[in-house]
Amino acid sequence: MDRLHAEILKIIQSPEMQERIKGLGMQPSVMTPEQVQVFQKAEIDKWAQVIKAANIKVD
């Protein structure tokens, strides 16, 4: 996991990737694996509440 994170970090921090990310209208950011885990859990919880409140069902 540490090696994968280090390699992804190198890619994200490259000038080419920074420009590409910005060109898509996104803000480049770097998170630790732990921060990614917390972010993903928060997103799942948030969207689960939206889906439940909107009574969205799978067809």
N, C-alpha and C. Protein backbone atom coordinates (compact mmCIF):
# COMPACT_ATOMS: atom_id res chain seq x y z
N MET A 1 0.83 -1.18 0.00
CA MET A 1 0.00 0.00 0.00
C MET A 1 0.88 1.25 0.00
N ASP A 2 1.93 1.22 0.78
CA ASP A 2 2.82 2.38 0.85
C ASP A 2 3.48 2.66 -0.49
N ARG A 3 3.91 1.61 -1.17
CA ARG A 3 4.56 1.79 -2.47
C ARG A 3 3.57 2.34 -3.50
N LEU A 4 2.37 1.79 -3.51
CA LEU A 4 1.34 2.25 -4.44
C LEU A 4 1.04 3.72 -4.19
N HIS A 5 0.89 4.09 -2.93
CA HIS A 5 0.62 5.49 -2.58
C HIS A 5 1.76 6.38 -3.06
N ALA A 6 2.99 5.96 -2.85
CA ALA A 6 4.14 6.76 -3.26
C ALA A 6 4.17 6.96 -4.78
N GLU A 7 3.86 5.92 -5.52
CA GLU A 7 3.87 6.01 -6.99
C GLU A 7 2.74 6.91 -7.50
N ILE A 8 1.57 6.78 -6.90
CA ILE A 8 0.45 7.64 -7.29
C ILE A 8 0.77 9.09 -6.96
N LEU A 9 1.37 9.32 -5.82
CA LEU A 9 1.76 10.66 -5.41
C LEU A 9 2.70 11.29 -6.43
N LYS A 10 3.68 10.53 -6.91
CA LYS A 10 4.60 11.03 -7.94
C LYS A 10 3.84 11.46 -9.19
N ILE A 11 2.90 10.63 -9.60
CA ILE A 11 2.13 10.92 -10.81
C ILE A 11 1.29 12.18 -10.62
N ILE A 12 0.58 12.25 -9.52
CA ILE A 12 -0.31 13.39 -9.26
C ILE A 12 0.47 14.69 -9.16
N GLN A 13 1.67 14.63 -8.64
CA GLN A 13 2.47 15.85 -8.46
C GLN A 13 3.24 16.27 -9.71
N SER A 14 3.19 15.45 -10.75
CA SER A 14 3.90 15.83 -11.97
C SER A 14 3.21 17.02 -12.62
N PRO A 15 3.98 17.93 -13.22
CA PRO A 15 3.37 19.12 -13.86
C PRO A 15 2.33 18.74 -14.92
N GLU A 16 2.60 17.69 -15.68
CA GLU A 16 1.65 17.28 -16.71
C GLU A 16 0.30 16.89 -16.11
N MET A 17 0.34 16.11 -15.06
CA MET A 17 -0.91 15.66 -14.44
C MET A 17 -1.60 16.82 -13.73
N GLN A 18 -0.83 17.71 -13.13
CA GLN A 18 -1.43 18.88 -12.49
C GLN A 18 -2.23 19.70 -13.51
N GLU A 19 -1.66 19.93 -14.68
CA GLU A 19 -2.34 20.68 -15.72
C GLU A 19 -3.56 19.94 -16.24
N ARG A 20 -3.43 18.65 -16.39
CA ARG A 20 -4.55 17.84 -16.88
C ARG A 20 -5.72 17.89 -15.90
N ILE A 21 -5.43 17.76 -14.63
CA ILE A 21 -6.46 17.81 -13.59
C ILE A 21 -7.13 19.17 -13.59
N LYS A 22 -6.32 20.23 -13.63
CA LYS A 22 -6.87 21.59 -13.64
C LYS A 22 -7.69 21.83 -14.90
N GLY A 23 -7.24 21.26 -16.03
CA GLY A 23 -7.97 21.40 -17.29
C GLY A 23 -9.35 20.78 -17.25
N LEU A 24 -9.55 19.83 -16.38
CA LEU A 24 -10.85 19.19 -16.21
C LEU A 24 -11.72 19.95 -15.20
N GLY A 25 -11.18 21.07 -14.70
CA GLY A 25 -11.93 21.87 -13.74
C GLY A 25 -11.89 21.32 -12.33
N MET A 26 -10.89 20.50 -12.06
CA MET A 26 -10.77 19.89 -10.74
C MET A 26 -9.60 20.50 -9.99
N GLN A 27 -9.60 20.37 -8.69
CA GLN A 27 -8.53 20.85 -7.84
C GLN A 27 -7.66 19.67 -7.44
N PRO A 28 -6.38 19.67 -7.86
CA PRO A 28 -5.51 18.55 -7.47
C PRO A 28 -5.32 18.52 -5.95
N SER A 29 -5.41 17.34 -5.38
CA SER A 29 -5.14 17.20 -3.95
C SER A 29 -4.52 15.84 -3.69
N VAL A 30 -3.82 15.77 -2.59
CA VAL A 30 -3.14 14.54 -2.21
C VAL A 30 -3.63 14.15 -0.82
N MET A 31 -4.00 12.90 -0.67
CA MET A 31 -4.44 12.40 0.63
C MET A 31 -3.65 11.15 0.97
N THR A 32 -3.49 10.94 2.26
CA THR A 32 -2.88 9.69 2.72
C THR A 32 -3.90 8.58 2.54
N PRO A 33 -3.47 7.33 2.56
CA PRO A 33 -4.44 6.24 2.48
C PRO A 33 -5.51 6.31 3.58
N GLU A 34 -5.12 6.75 4.75
CA GLU A 34 -6.08 6.88 5.84
C GLU A 34 -7.10 7.96 5.54
N GLN A 35 -6.65 9.09 4.97
CA GLN A 35 -7.56 10.17 4.62
C GLN A 35 -8.53 9.73 3.52
N VAL A 36 -8.05 8.95 2.58
CA VAL A 36 -8.91 8.43 1.51
C VAL A 36 -10.00 7.55 2.12
N GLN A 37 -9.62 6.71 3.05
CA GLN A 37 -10.58 5.82 3.70
C GLN A 37 -11.67 6.62 4.41
N VAL A 38 -11.28 7.65 5.15
CA VAL A 38 -12.24 8.50 5.86
C VAL A 38 -13.15 9.21 4.86
N PHE A 39 -12.56 9.75 3.78
CA PHE A 39 -13.33 10.45 2.76
C PHE A 39 -14.35 9.52 2.11
N GLN A 40 -13.92 8.32 1.73
CA GLN A 40 -14.82 7.38 1.08
C GLN A 40 -15.97 6.99 2.00
N LYS A 41 -15.70 6.76 3.27
CA LYS A 41 -16.76 6.41 4.20
C LYS A 41 -17.75 7.55 4.34
N ALA A 42 -17.25 8.78 4.42
CA ALA A 42 -18.13 9.95 4.53
C ALA A 42 -19.00 10.09 3.28
N GLU A 43 -18.43 9.85 2.11
CA GLU A 43 -19.20 9.93 0.86
C GLU A 43 -20.28 8.86 0.81
N ILE A 44 -19.95 7.65 1.21
CA ILE A 44 -20.93 6.56 1.22
C ILE A 44 -22.07 6.89 2.17
N ASP A 45 -21.73 7.38 3.35
CA ASP A 45 -22.76 7.74 4.34
C ASP A 45 -23.64 8.87 3.81
N LYS A 46 -23.02 9.89 3.23
CA LYS A 46 -23.76 11.05 2.72
C LYS A 46 -24.74 10.63 1.63
N TRP A 47 -24.25 9.88 0.65
CA TRP A 47 -25.11 9.51 -0.47
C TRP A 47 -26.15 8.47 -0.07
N ALA A 48 -25.85 7.66 0.91
CA ALA A 48 -26.85 6.71 1.40
C ALA A 48 -28.04 7.47 2.00
N GLN A 49 -27.76 8.56 2.71
CA GLN A 49 -28.82 9.38 3.28
C GLN A 49 -29.65 10.05 2.19
N VAL A 50 -28.98 10.54 1.15
CA VAL A 50 -29.69 11.18 0.03
C VAL A 50 -30.60 10.17 -0.65
N ILE A 51 -30.08 8.99 -0.90
CA ILE A 51 -30.86 7.94 -1.57
C ILE A 51 -32.07 7.56 -0.71
N LYS A 52 -31.86 7.41 0.57
CA LYS A 52 -32.96 7.05 1.47
C LYS A 52 -34.00 8.17 1.53
N ALA A 53 -33.55 9.42 1.67
CA ALA A 53 -34.49 10.55 1.75
C ALA A 53 -35.29 10.73 0.48
N ALA A 54 -34.67 10.43 -0.66
CA ALA A 54 -35.35 10.59 -1.95
C ALA A 54 -36.13 9.33 -2.33
N ASN A 55 -36.05 8.31 -1.49
CA ASN A 55 -36.72 7.03 -1.74
C ASN A 55 -36.35 6.45 -3.11
N ILE A 56 -35.09 6.50 -3.41
CA ILE A 56 -34.60 5.98 -4.70
C ILE A 56 -34.49 4.46 -4.60
N LYS A 57 -35.01 3.80 -5.61
CA LYS A 57 -35.00 2.33 -5.66
C LYS A 57 -34.30 1.87 -6.93
N VAL A 58 -33.68 0.72 -6.87
CA VAL A 58 -33.05 0.12 -8.02
C VAL A 58 -34.12 -0.58 -8.87
N ASP A 59 -34.11 -0.33 -10.16
CA ASP A 59 -35.06 -1.01 -11.05
C ASP A 59 -34.52 -2.32 -11.52
